[in-house]
Amino acid sequence: MTEAEIHATLTRIFREVFDDPTLVPTRAMAAADVPEWDSFNHVNLIVAAEMAFGVRFRPGEIDGMKNVGDFADLIARKTA
């Protein structure tokens, strides 16, 4: 899966989870940058990504993510 495909899918997921059709996640975007990004929506993001990309994340992997770029990189590793 290419970086562009991952980004496009993550964009769709973020827009659905946060109910914001204009949201454009960047690699540097973190939870603090999106007011609605609370623990509940964090879980929703993880579950939606697992379903969309056909992967499973371990708790340690999730804890290590600091921003969208880390999330995209983890997805890229898991779908390689």
PDB file of N, CA and C in Angstrom:
ATOM      1  N   MET A   1       0.855  -1.180   0.000  1.00  0.00           N
ATOM      2  CA  MET A   1       0.000   0.000   0.000  1.00  0.00           C
ATOM      3  C   MET A   1       0.896   1.236   0.000  1.00  0.00           C
ATOM      4  N   THR A   2       0.567   2.177  -0.849  1.00  0.00           N
ATOM      5  CA  THR A   2       1.396   3.373  -0.953  1.00  0.00           C
ATOM      6  C   THR A   2       1.078   4.369   0.150  1.00  0.00           C
ATOM      7  N   GLU A   3       1.991   5.303   0.349  1.00  0.00           N
ATOM      8  CA  GLU A   3       1.783   6.360   1.338  1.00  0.00           C
ATOM      9  C   GLU A   3       0.536   7.173   0.988  1.00  0.00           C
ATOM     10  N   ALA A   4       0.333   7.429  -0.292  1.00  0.00           N
ATOM     11  CA  ALA A   4      -0.835   8.198  -0.734  1.00  0.00           C
ATOM     12  C   ALA A   4      -2.138   7.450  -0.435  1.00  0.00           C
ATOM     13  N   GLU A   5      -2.137   6.140  -0.636  1.00  0.00           N
ATOM     14  CA  GLU A   5      -3.328   5.338  -0.340  1.00  0.00           C
ATOM     15  C   GLU A   5      -3.619   5.333   1.159  1.00  0.00           C
ATOM     16  N   ILE A   6      -2.581   5.202   1.959  1.00  0.00           N
ATOM     17  CA  ILE A   6      -2.743   5.234   3.416  1.00  0.00           C
ATOM     18  C   ILE A   6      -3.303   6.587   3.839  1.00  0.00           C
ATOM     19  N   HIS A   7      -2.727   7.661   3.304  1.00  0.00           N
ATOM     20  CA  HIS A   7      -3.185   9.007   3.664  1.00  0.00           C
ATOM     21  C   HIS A   7      -4.634   9.218   3.256  1.00  0.00           C
ATOM     22  N   ALA A   8      -5.009   8.777   2.080  1.00  0.00           N
ATOM     23  CA  ALA A   8      -6.389   8.952   1.613  1.00  0.00           C
ATOM     24  C   ALA A   8      -7.366   8.195   2.507  1.00  0.00           C
ATOM     25  N   THR A   9      -7.002   6.990   2.893  1.00  0.00           N
ATOM     26  CA  THR A   9      -7.876   6.203   3.762  1.00  0.00           C
ATOM     27  C   THR A   9      -7.944   6.809   5.150  1.00  0.00           C
ATOM     28  N   LEU A  10      -6.803   7.256   5.681  1.00  0.00           N
ATOM     29  CA  LEU A  10      -6.814   7.909   6.993  1.00  0.00           C
ATOM     30  C   LEU A  10      -7.638   9.189   6.970  1.00  0.00           C
ATOM     31  N   THR A  11      -7.561   9.932   5.889  1.00  0.00           N
ATOM     32  CA  THR A  11      -8.352  11.157   5.770  1.00  0.00           C
ATOM     33  C   THR A  11      -9.836  10.825   5.852  1.00  0.00           C
ATOM     34  N   ARG A  12     -10.253   9.807   5.131  1.00  0.00           N
ATOM     35  CA  ARG A  12     -11.656   9.378   5.169  1.00  0.00           C
ATOM     36  C   ARG A  12     -12.056   8.969   6.593  1.00  0.00           C
ATOM     37  N   ILE A  13     -11.197   8.196   7.257  1.00  0.00           N
ATOM     38  CA  ILE A  13     -11.477   7.744   8.617  1.00  0.00           C
ATOM     39  C   ILE A  13     -11.589   8.931   9.573  1.00  0.00           C
ATOM     40  N   PHE A  14     -10.636   9.841   9.514  1.00  0.00           N
ATOM     41  CA  PHE A  14     -10.658  11.005  10.404  1.00  0.00           C
ATOM     42  C   PHE A  14     -11.918  11.831  10.170  1.00  0.00           C
ATOM     43  N   ARG A  15     -12.299  12.021   8.924  1.00  0.00           N
ATOM     44  CA  ARG A  15     -13.493  12.813   8.623  1.00  0.00           C
ATOM     45  C   ARG A  15     -14.746  12.144   9.165  1.00  0.00           C
ATOM     46  N   GLU A  16     -14.802  10.811   9.079  1.00  0.00           N
ATOM     47  CA  GLU A  16     -15.963  10.086   9.598  1.00  0.00           C
ATOM     48  C   GLU A  16     -15.999  10.117  11.121  1.00  0.00           C
ATOM     49  N   VAL A  17     -14.878   9.812  11.759  1.00  0.00           N
ATOM     50  CA  VAL A  17     -14.839   9.753  13.226  1.00  0.00           C
ATOM     51  C   VAL A  17     -15.141  11.109  13.845  1.00  0.00           C
ATOM     52  N   PHE A  18     -14.569  12.165  13.270  1.00  0.00           N
ATOM     53  CA  PHE A  18     -14.759  13.492  13.837  1.00  0.00           C
ATOM     54  C   PHE A  18     -15.915  14.261  13.201  1.00  0.00           C
ATOM     55  N   ASP A  19     -16.623  13.610  12.276  1.00  0.00           N
ATOM     56  CA  ASP A  19     -17.782  14.209  11.608  1.00  0.00           C
ATOM     57  C   ASP A  19     -17.452  15.604  11.078  1.00  0.00           C
ATOM     58  N   ASP A  20     -16.327  15.671  10.352  1.00  0.00           N
ATOM     59  CA  ASP A  20     -15.862  16.941   9.796  1.00  0.00           C
ATOM     60  C   ASP A  20     -15.347  16.685   8.381  1.00  0.00           C
ATOM     61  N   PRO A  21     -16.164  16.974   7.362  1.00  0.00           N
ATOM     62  CA  PRO A  21     -15.760  16.690   5.984  1.00  0.00           C
ATOM     63  C   PRO A  21     -14.605  17.547   5.473  1.00  0.00           C
ATOM     64  N   THR A  22     -14.196  18.550   6.233  1.00  0.00           N
ATOM     65  CA  THR A  22     -13.091  19.405   5.798  1.00  0.00           C
ATOM     66  C   THR A  22     -11.767  19.052   6.480  1.00  0.00           C
ATOM     67  N   LEU A  23     -11.802  18.132   7.433  1.00  0.00           N
ATOM     68  CA  LEU A  23     -10.595  17.785   8.183  1.00  0.00           C
ATOM     69  C   LEU A  23      -9.560  17.128   7.281  1.00  0.00           C
ATOM     70  N   VAL A  24      -8.336  17.638   7.321  1.00  0.00           N
ATOM     71  CA  VAL A  24      -7.231  17.070   6.546  1.00  0.00           C
ATOM     72  C   VAL A  24      -6.099  16.747   7.523  1.00  0.00           C
ATOM     73  N   PRO A  25      -5.956  15.476   7.883  1.00  0.00           N
ATOM     74  CA  PRO A  25      -4.886  15.117   8.810  1.00  0.00           C
ATOM     75  C   PRO A  25      -3.515  15.270   8.148  1.00  0.00           C
ATOM     76  N   THR A  26      -2.590  15.826   8.894  1.00  0.00           N
ATOM     77  CA  THR A  26      -1.206  15.948   8.429  1.00  0.00           C
ATOM     78  C   THR A  26      -0.347  15.023   9.268  1.00  0.00           C
ATOM     79  N   ARG A  27       0.861  14.772   8.820  1.00  0.00           N
ATOM     80  CA  ARG A  27       1.756  13.889   9.571  1.00  0.00           C
ATOM     81  C   ARG A  27       2.022  14.424  10.975  1.00  0.00           C
ATOM     82  N   ALA A  28       2.060  15.722  11.138  1.00  0.00           N
ATOM     83  CA  ALA A  28       2.379  16.325  12.437  1.00  0.00           C
ATOM     84  C   ALA A  28       1.158  16.458  13.349  1.00  0.00           C
ATOM     85  N   MET A  29      -0.033  16.255  12.818  1.00  0.00           N
ATOM     86  CA  MET A  29      -1.247  16.423  13.627  1.00  0.00           C
ATOM     87  C   MET A  29      -1.264  15.426  14.780  1.00  0.00           C
ATOM     88  N   ALA A  30      -1.613  15.938  15.963  1.00  0.00           N
ATOM     89  CA  ALA A  30      -1.709  15.106  17.158  1.00  0.00           C
ATOM     90  C   ALA A  30      -3.064  15.347  17.815  1.00  0.00           C
ATOM     91  N   ALA A  31      -3.368  14.572  18.821  1.00  0.00           N
ATOM     92  CA  ALA A  31      -4.654  14.685  19.504  1.00  0.00           C
ATOM     93  C   ALA A  31      -4.915  16.101  20.002  1.00  0.00           C
ATOM     94  N   ALA A  32      -3.892  16.774  20.465  1.00  0.00           N
ATOM     95  CA  ALA A  32      -4.057  18.140  20.991  1.00  0.00           C
ATOM     96  C   ALA A  32      -4.507  19.127  19.914  1.00  0.00           C
ATOM     97  N   ASP A  33      -4.333  18.769  18.646  1.00  0.00           N
ATOM     98  CA  ASP A  33      -4.696  19.660  17.546  1.00  0.00           C
ATOM     99  C   ASP A  33      -6.164  19.567  17.144  1.00  0.00           C
ATOM    100  N   VAL A  34      -6.871  18.546  17.637  1.00  0.00           N
ATOM    101  CA  VAL A  34      -8.273  18.335  17.278  1.00  0.00           C
ATOM    102  C   VAL A  34      -9.075  18.279  18.573  1.00  0.00           C
ATOM    103  N   PRO A  35      -9.877  19.312  18.850  1.00  0.00           N
ATOM    104  CA  PRO A  35     -10.606  19.370  20.120  1.00  0.00           C
ATOM    105  C   PRO A  35     -11.444  18.124  20.421  1.00  0.00           C
ATOM    106  N   GLU A  36     -12.005  17.499  19.404  1.00  0.00           N
ATOM    107  CA  GLU A  36     -12.854  16.325  19.598  1.00  0.00           C
ATOM    108  C   GLU A  36     -12.070  15.023  19.783  1.00  0.00           C
ATOM    109  N   TRP A  37     -10.744  15.097  19.681  1.00  0.00           N
ATOM    110  CA  TRP A  37      -9.919  13.884  19.758  1.00  0.00           C
ATOM    111  C   TRP A  37      -9.700  13.544  21.227  1.00  0.00           C
ATOM    112  N   ASP A  38     -10.682  12.855  21.793  1.00  0.00           N
ATOM    113  CA  ASP A  38     -10.595  12.400  23.169  1.00  0.00           C
ATOM    114  C   ASP A  38     -10.325  10.898  23.174  1.00  0.00           C
ATOM    115  N   SER A  39     -10.331  10.293  24.353  1.00  0.00           N
ATOM    116  CA  SER A  39     -10.006   8.868  24.445  1.00  0.00           C
ATOM    117  C   SER A  39     -11.033   8.013  23.705  1.00  0.00           C
ATOM    118  N   PHE A  40     -12.292   8.398  23.739  1.00  0.00           N
ATOM    119  CA  PHE A  40     -13.325   7.652  23.032  1.00  0.00           C
ATOM    120  C   PHE A  40     -13.082   7.681  21.521  1.00  0.00           C
ATOM    121  N   ASN A  41     -12.831   8.863  20.970  1.00  0.00           N
ATOM    122  CA  ASN A  41     -12.580   8.966  19.534  1.00  0.00           C
ATOM    123  C   ASN A  41     -11.242   8.356  19.145  1.00  0.00           C
ATOM    124  N   HIS A  42     -10.299   8.321  20.071  1.00  0.00           N
ATOM    125  CA  HIS A  42      -9.021   7.649  19.788  1.00  0.00           C
ATOM    126  C   HIS A  42      -9.276   6.162  19.539  1.00  0.00           C
ATOM    127  N   VAL A  43     -10.094   5.559  20.385  1.00  0.00           N
ATOM    128  CA  VAL A  43     -10.451   4.150  20.196  1.00  0.00           C
ATOM    129  C   VAL A  43     -11.191   3.975  18.875  1.00  0.00           C
ATOM    130  N   ASN A  44     -12.100   4.892  18.569  1.00  0.00           N
ATOM    131  CA  ASN A  44     -12.825   4.817  17.295  1.00  0.00           C
ATOM    132  C   ASN A  44     -11.877   4.879  16.103  1.00  0.00           C
ATOM    133  N   LEU A  45     -10.849   5.731  16.166  1.00  0.00           N
ATOM    134  CA  LEU A  45      -9.855   5.818  15.094  1.00  0.00           C
ATOM    135  C   LEU A  45      -9.119   4.500  14.926  1.00  0.00           C
ATOM    136  N   ILE A  46      -8.687   3.927  16.038  1.00  0.00           N
ATOM    137  CA  ILE A  46      -7.927   2.675  15.999  1.00  0.00           C
ATOM    138  C   ILE A  46      -8.773   1.558  15.392  1.00  0.00           C
ATOM    139  N   VAL A  47     -10.004   1.415  15.870  1.00  0.00           N
ATOM    140  CA  VAL A  47     -10.881   0.357  15.375  1.00  0.00           C
ATOM    141  C   VAL A  47     -11.197   0.560  13.895  1.00  0.00           C
ATOM    142  N   ALA A  48     -11.483   1.790  13.503  1.00  0.00           N
ATOM    143  CA  ALA A  48     -11.784   2.064  12.093  1.00  0.00           C
ATOM    144  C   ALA A  48     -10.580   1.768  11.208  1.00  0.00           C
ATOM    145  N   ALA A  49      -9.386   2.104  11.678  1.00  0.00           N
ATOM    146  CA  ALA A  49      -8.172   1.821  10.898  1.00  0.00           C
ATOM    147  C   ALA A  49      -7.929   0.324  10.803  1.00  0.00           C
ATOM    148  N   GLU A  50      -8.141  -0.394  11.889  1.00  0.00           N
ATOM    149  CA  GLU A  50      -7.967  -1.852  11.846  1.00  0.00           C
ATOM    150  C   GLU A  50      -8.899  -2.463  10.806  1.00  0.00           C
ATOM    151  N   MET A  51     -10.132  -2.005  10.778  1.00  0.00           N
ATOM    152  CA  MET A  51     -11.089  -2.545   9.812  1.00  0.00           C
ATOM    153  C   MET A  51     -10.731  -2.137   8.383  1.00  0.00           C
ATOM    154  N   ALA A  52     -10.379  -0.884   8.178  1.00  0.00           N
ATOM    155  CA  ALA A  52     -10.091  -0.382   6.830  1.00  0.00           C
ATOM    156  C   ALA A  52      -8.835  -1.001   6.234  1.00  0.00           C
ATOM    157  N   PHE A  53      -7.823  -1.204   7.067  1.00  0.00           N
ATOM    158  CA  PHE A  53      -6.539  -1.700   6.564  1.00  0.00           C
ATOM    159  C   PHE A  53      -6.346  -3.202   6.774  1.00  0.00           C
ATOM    160  N   GLY A  54      -7.275  -3.841   7.476  1.00  0.00           N
ATOM    161  CA  GLY A  54      -7.170  -5.280   7.709  1.00  0.00           C
ATOM    162  C   GLY A  54      -5.989  -5.652   8.595  1.00  0.00           C
ATOM    163  N   VAL A  55      -5.729  -4.839   9.607  1.00  0.00           N
ATOM    164  CA  VAL A  55      -4.605  -5.081  10.521  1.00  0.00           C
ATOM    165  C   VAL A  55      -5.117  -5.066  11.956  1.00  0.00           C
ATOM    166  N   ARG A  56      -4.244  -5.490  12.881  1.00  0.00           N
ATOM    167  CA  ARG A  56      -4.531  -5.412  14.308  1.00  0.00           C
ATOM    168  C   ARG A  56      -3.378  -4.688  14.980  1.00  0.00           C
ATOM    169  N   PHE A  57      -3.694  -3.797  15.894  1.00  0.00           N
ATOM    170  CA  PHE A  57      -2.668  -3.055  16.627  1.00  0.00           C
ATOM    171  C   PHE A  57      -2.567  -3.597  18.042  1.00  0.00           C
ATOM    172  N   ARG A  58      -1.342  -3.762  18.510  1.00  0.00           N
ATOM    173  CA  ARG A  58      -1.105  -4.153  19.888  1.00  0.00           C
ATOM    174  C   ARG A  58      -1.097  -2.897  20.757  1.00  0.00           C
ATOM    175  N   PRO A  59      -1.466  -3.028  22.034  1.00  0.00           N
ATOM    176  CA  PRO A  59      -1.486  -1.850  22.912  1.00  0.00           C
ATOM    177  C   PRO A  59      -0.160  -1.082  22.927  1.00  0.00           C
ATOM    178  N   GLY A  60       0.959  -1.776  22.918  1.00  0.00           N
ATOM    179  CA  GLY A  60       2.258  -1.103  22.920  1.00  0.00           C
ATOM    180  C   GLY A  60       2.487  -0.269  21.677  1.00  0.00           C
ATOM    181  N   GLU A  61       1.957  -0.732  20.556  1.00  0.00           N
ATOM    182  CA  GLU A  61       2.089   0.028  19.308  1.00  0.00           C
ATOM    183  C   GLU A  61       1.264   1.307  19.381  1.00  0.00           C
ATOM    184  N   ILE A  62       0.082   1.205  19.927  1.00  0.00           N
ATOM    185  CA  ILE A  62      -0.802   2.357  20.039  1.00  0.00           C
ATOM    186  C   ILE A  62      -0.211   3.391  20.988  1.00  0.00           C
ATOM    187  N   ASP A  63       0.332   2.915  22.106  1.00  0.00           N
ATOM    188  CA  ASP A  63       0.927   3.821  23.093  1.00  0.00           C
ATOM    189  C   ASP A  63       2.109   4.593  22.522  1.00  0.00           C
ATOM    190  N   GLY A  64       2.805   4.007  21.549  1.00  0.00           N
ATOM    191  CA  GLY A  64       3.979   4.644  20.982  1.00  0.00           C
ATOM    192  C   GLY A  64       3.684   5.708  19.934  1.00  0.00           C
ATOM    193  N   MET A  65       2.426   5.833  19.539  1.00  0.00           N
ATOM    194  CA  MET A  65       2.068   6.802  18.504  1.00  0.00           C
ATOM    195  C   MET A  65       1.930   8.195  19.107  1.00  0.00           C
ATOM    196  N   LYS A  66       2.623   9.155  18.522  1.00  0.00           N
ATOM    197  CA  LYS A  66       2.563  10.543  18.996  1.00  0.00           C
ATOM    198  C   LYS A  66       1.774  11.451  18.066  1.00  0.00           C
ATOM    199  N   ASN A  67       1.634  11.034  16.795  1.00  0.00           N
ATOM    200  CA  ASN A  67       0.945  11.877  15.813  1.00  0.00           C
ATOM    201  C   ASN A  67       0.457  11.020  14.648  1.00  0.00           C
ATOM    202  N   VAL A  68      -0.191  11.653  13.704  1.00  0.00           N
ATOM    203  CA  VAL A  68      -0.739  10.941  12.548  1.00  0.00           C
ATOM    204  C   VAL A  68       0.379  10.289  11.727  1.00  0.00           C
ATOM    205  N   GLY A  69       1.524  10.931  11.654  1.00  0.00           N
ATOM    206  CA  GLY A  69       2.652  10.353  10.924  1.00  0.00           C
ATOM    207  C   GLY A  69       3.079   9.016  11.508  1.00  0.00           C
ATOM    208  N   ASP A  70       3.135   8.933  12.839  1.00  0.00           N
ATOM    209  CA  ASP A  70       3.465   7.661  13.490  1.00  0.00           C
ATOM    210  C   ASP A  70       2.416   6.606  13.160  1.00  0.00           C
ATOM    211  N   PHE A  71       1.154   7.017  13.163  1.00  0.00           N
ATOM    212  CA  PHE A  71       0.037   6.111  12.849  1.00  0.00           C
ATOM    213  C   PHE A  71       0.179   5.600  11.416  1.00  0.00           C
ATOM    214  N   ALA A  72       0.433   6.498  10.473  1.00  0.00           N
ATOM    215  CA  ALA A  72       0.592   6.113   9.071  1.00  0.00           C
ATOM    216  C   ALA A  72       1.792   5.187   8.886  1.00  0.00           C
ATOM    217  N   ASP A  73       2.895   5.480   9.564  1.00  0.00           N
ATOM    218  CA  ASP A  73       4.084   4.632   9.458  1.00  0.00           C
ATOM    219  C   ASP A  73       3.812   3.233   9.994  1.00  0.00           C
ATOM    220  N   LEU A  74       3.075   3.139  11.093  1.00  0.00           N
ATOM    221  CA  LEU A  74       2.735   1.839  11.661  1.00  0.00           C
ATOM    222  C   LEU A  74       1.852   1.068  10.695  1.00  0.00           C
ATOM    223  N   ILE A  75       0.884   1.720  10.105  1.00  0.00           N
ATOM    224  CA  ILE A  75       0.026   1.080   9.119  1.00  0.00           C
ATOM    225  C   ILE A  75       0.847   0.588   7.930  1.00  0.00           C
ATOM    226  N   ALA A  76       1.779   1.417   7.467  1.00  0.00           N
ATOM    227  CA  ALA A  76       2.625   1.031   6.328  1.00  0.00           C
ATOM    228  C   ALA A  76       3.432  -0.231   6.651  1.00  0.00           C
ATOM    229  N   ARG A  77       3.985  -0.302   7.849  1.00  0.00           N
ATOM    230  CA  ARG A  77       4.744  -1.490   8.256  1.00  0.00           C
ATOM    231  C   ARG A  77       3.842  -2.724   8.305  1.00  0.00           C
ATOM    232  N   LYS A  78       2.649  -2.557   8.812  1.00  0.00           N
ATOM    233  CA  LYS A  78       1.762  -3.694   8.968  1.00  0.00           C
ATOM    234  C   LYS A  78       1.149  -4.155   7.643  1.00  0.00           C
ATOM    235  N   THR A  79       1.058  -3.282   6.674  1.00  0.00           N
ATOM    236  CA  THR A  79       0.469  -3.670   5.386  1.00  0.00           C
ATOM    237  C   THR A  79       1.522  -4.002   4.335  1.00  0.00           C
ATOM    238  N   ALA A  80       2.788  -3.898   4.709  1.00  0.00           N
ATOM    239  CA  ALA A  80       3.870  -4.179   3.745  1.00  0.00           C
ATOM    240  C   ALA A  80       3.938  -5.657   3.401  1.00  0.00           C
TER     241      ALA A  80
END
